[in-house]
Amino acid sequence: MQGGHYYGRKEVLRFKLYEENIHPQCAGCNWKGMNTTKIRERYRMYMEDMYGVRRVKAMNRLAFRKPPKFKMDEVLEFKKYLREQIKIQLKRLGEI
């Protein structure tokens, strides 16, 4: 599995590390599939089921605005949070 981005991390910097934009995807869907309408539409439907139509529309409105600047302490805090989330998921999967 790979971390598939609904909004590509190169095209939309605002959502590069946004958790609601990143979900598990097989390599085929992640690399080639997101360029097809069928896979992209399925991903959108998944996101609407997961977060609601209103949230996905809000992300659409924000997608191409200039990304916010973060202070170093915010980045380090986010890094710490993500490491904790990884540990929680590894423990959940029985890998720790």
C-alpha atoms as a PDB file:
ATOM      1  CA  MET A   1       0.000   0.000   0.000  1.00  0.00           C
ATOM      2  CA  GLN A   2       1.043   3.560  -0.655  1.00  0.00           C
ATOM      3  CA  GLY A   3      -0.141   6.895   0.664  1.00  0.00           C
ATOM      4  CA  GLY A   4      -2.390   8.090  -2.125  1.00  0.00           C
ATOM      5  CA  HIS A   5      -3.222  11.785  -2.311  1.00  0.00           C
ATOM      6  CA  TYR A   6      -6.583  12.960  -3.645  1.00  0.00           C
ATOM      7  CA  TYR A   7      -4.907  16.255  -4.496  1.00  0.00           C
ATOM      8  CA  GLY A   8      -1.473  15.403  -5.845  1.00  0.00           C
ATOM      9  CA  ARG A   9       1.294  16.501  -3.505  1.00  0.00           C
ATOM     10  CA  LYS A  10       3.177  18.200  -6.329  1.00  0.00           C
ATOM     11  CA  GLU A  11       0.217  20.068  -7.766  1.00  0.00           C
ATOM     12  CA  VAL A  12      -1.469  21.193  -4.534  1.00  0.00           C
ATOM     13  CA  LEU A  13       1.049  21.982  -1.808  1.00  0.00           C
ATOM     14  CA  ARG A  14      -1.646  23.080   0.645  1.00  0.00           C
ATOM     15  CA  PHE A  15      -2.766  19.471   1.163  1.00  0.00           C
ATOM     16  CA  LYS A  16       0.601  17.699   0.839  1.00  0.00           C
ATOM     17  CA  LEU A  17       0.581  16.483   4.460  1.00  0.00           C
ATOM     18  CA  TYR A  18      -3.105  16.996   5.189  1.00  0.00           C
ATOM     19  CA  GLU A  19      -4.370  13.744   6.719  1.00  0.00           C
ATOM     20  CA  GLU A  20      -7.796  13.948   5.087  1.00  0.00           C
ATOM     21  CA  ASN A  21      -6.067  14.072   1.687  1.00  0.00           C
ATOM     22  CA  ILE A  22      -3.920  10.943   2.187  1.00  0.00           C
ATOM     23  CA  HIS A  23      -5.300   7.402   2.214  1.00  0.00           C
ATOM     24  CA  PRO A  24      -3.973   3.889   1.504  1.00  0.00           C
ATOM     25  CA  GLN A  25      -3.929   3.000  -2.178  1.00  0.00           C
ATOM     26  CA  CYS A  26      -2.387   0.179  -4.172  1.00  0.00           C
ATOM     27  CA  ALA A  27       0.598   1.219  -6.288  1.00  0.00           C
ATOM     28  CA  GLY A  28      -1.331   0.909  -9.560  1.00  0.00           C
ATOM     29  CA  CYS A  29      -4.154   3.181  -8.447  1.00  0.00           C
ATOM     30  CA  ASN A  30      -1.743   5.622  -6.864  1.00  0.00           C
ATOM     31  CA  TRP A  31       0.666   5.968  -9.787  1.00  0.00           C
ATOM     32  CA  LYS A  32      -1.456   5.501 -12.869  1.00  0.00           C
ATOM     33  CA  GLY A  33      -5.027   5.305 -11.658  1.00  0.00           C
ATOM     34  CA  MET A  34      -5.304   8.840 -10.331  1.00  0.00           C
ATOM     35  CA  ASN A  35      -4.792  10.017 -13.907  1.00  0.00           C
ATOM     36  CA  THR A  36      -7.978   8.234 -14.947  1.00  0.00           C
ATOM     37  CA  THR A  37     -11.430   9.655 -14.403  1.00  0.00           C
ATOM     38  CA  LYS A  38     -12.775   6.331 -13.075  1.00  0.00           C
ATOM     39  CA  ILE A  39     -10.281   5.981 -10.194  1.00  0.00           C
ATOM     40  CA  ARG A  40     -10.368   9.700  -9.362  1.00  0.00           C
ATOM     41  CA  GLU A  41     -14.170   9.576  -9.201  1.00  0.00           C
ATOM     42  CA  ARG A  42     -14.060   6.555  -6.868  1.00  0.00           C
ATOM     43  CA  TYR A  43     -11.590   8.369  -4.624  1.00  0.00           C
ATOM     44  CA  ARG A  44     -13.890  11.415  -4.504  1.00  0.00           C
ATOM     45  CA  MET A  45     -16.858   9.209  -3.598  1.00  0.00           C
ATOM     46  CA  TYR A  46     -14.783   7.558  -0.847  1.00  0.00           C
ATOM     47  CA  MET A  47     -13.852  10.963   0.550  1.00  0.00           C
ATOM     48  CA  GLU A  48     -17.480  12.118   0.474  1.00  0.00           C
ATOM     49  CA  ASP A  49     -18.509   8.963   2.355  1.00  0.00           C
ATOM     50  CA  MET A  50     -15.663   9.388   4.833  1.00  0.00           C
ATOM     51  CA  TYR A  51     -15.813  13.158   5.458  1.00  0.00           C
ATOM     52  CA  GLY A  52     -19.057  14.339   3.875  1.00  0.00           C
ATOM     53  CA  VAL A  53     -19.824  16.235   0.679  1.00  0.00           C
ATOM     54  CA  ARG A  54     -19.543  19.575   2.470  1.00  0.00           C
ATOM     55  CA  ARG A  55     -15.971  18.862   3.632  1.00  0.00           C
ATOM     56  CA  VAL A  56     -14.844  17.746   0.167  1.00  0.00           C
ATOM     57  CA  LYS A  57     -16.350  20.890  -1.384  1.00  0.00           C
ATOM     58  CA  ALA A  58     -14.509  23.003   1.202  1.00  0.00           C
ATOM     59  CA  MET A  59     -11.255  21.271   0.263  1.00  0.00           C
ATOM     60  CA  ASN A  60     -11.995  22.002  -3.412  1.00  0.00           C
ATOM     61  CA  ARG A  61     -12.375  25.703  -2.612  1.00  0.00           C
ATOM     62  CA  LEU A  62      -9.080  25.773  -0.673  1.00  0.00           C
ATOM     63  CA  ALA A  63      -7.081  23.549  -3.018  1.00  0.00           C
ATOM     64  CA  PHE A  64      -5.395  26.130  -5.178  1.00  0.00           C
ATOM     65  CA  ARG A  65      -4.931  28.926  -2.691  1.00  0.00           C
ATOM     66  CA  LYS A  66      -1.426  29.722  -1.559  1.00  0.00           C
ATOM     67  CA  PRO A  67      -0.340  27.255   1.154  1.00  0.00           C
ATOM     68  CA  PRO A  68       0.140  28.629   4.663  1.00  0.00           C
ATOM     69  CA  LYS A  69       3.606  29.214   6.091  1.00  0.00           C
ATOM     70  CA  PHE A  70       4.369  27.187   9.190  1.00  0.00           C
ATOM     71  CA  LYS A  71       6.721  28.043  12.019  1.00  0.00           C
ATOM     72  CA  MET A  72       9.419  25.517  12.860  1.00  0.00           C
ATOM     73  CA  ASP A  73       7.822  24.616  16.202  1.00  0.00           C
ATOM     74  CA  GLU A  74       4.537  23.850  14.389  1.00  0.00           C
ATOM     75  CA  VAL A  75       6.350  21.568  11.949  1.00  0.00           C
ATOM     76  CA  LEU A  76       8.155  19.746  14.771  1.00  0.00           C
ATOM     77  CA  GLU A  77       4.906  19.325  16.696  1.00  0.00           C
ATOM     78  CA  PHE A  78       3.214  17.908  13.595  1.00  0.00           C
ATOM     79  CA  LYS A  79       6.141  15.542  13.059  1.00  0.00           C
ATOM     80  CA  LYS A  80       5.791  14.327  16.649  1.00  0.00           C
ATOM     81  CA  TYR A  81       2.045  13.831  16.162  1.00  0.00           C
ATOM     82  CA  LEU A  82       2.586  11.804  12.975  1.00  0.00           C
ATOM     83  CA  ARG A  83       5.170   9.575  14.675  1.00  0.00           C
ATOM     84  CA  GLU A  84       2.674   8.899  17.472  1.00  0.00           C
ATOM     85  CA  GLN A  85       0.005   8.036  14.913  1.00  0.00           C
ATOM     86  CA  ILE A  86       2.362   5.598  13.187  1.00  0.00           C
ATOM     87  CA  LYS A  87       3.066   3.873  16.505  1.00  0.00           C
ATOM     88  CA  ILE A  88      -0.648   3.623  17.263  1.00  0.00           C
ATOM     89  CA  GLN A  89      -1.361   2.063  13.871  1.00  0.00           C
ATOM     90  CA  LEU A  90       1.582  -0.354  14.086  1.00  0.00           C
ATOM     91  CA  LYS A  91       0.409  -1.432  17.528  1.00  0.00           C
ATOM     92  CA  ARG A  92      -3.134  -1.841  16.189  1.00  0.00           C
ATOM     93  CA  LEU A  93      -1.811  -4.053  13.410  1.00  0.00           C
ATOM     94  CA  GLY A  94       0.274  -6.100  15.870  1.00  0.00           C
ATOM     95  CA  GLU A  95       3.597  -5.047  14.380  1.00  0.00           C
ATOM     96  CA  ILE A  96       4.973  -3.644  17.652  1.00  0.00           C
END
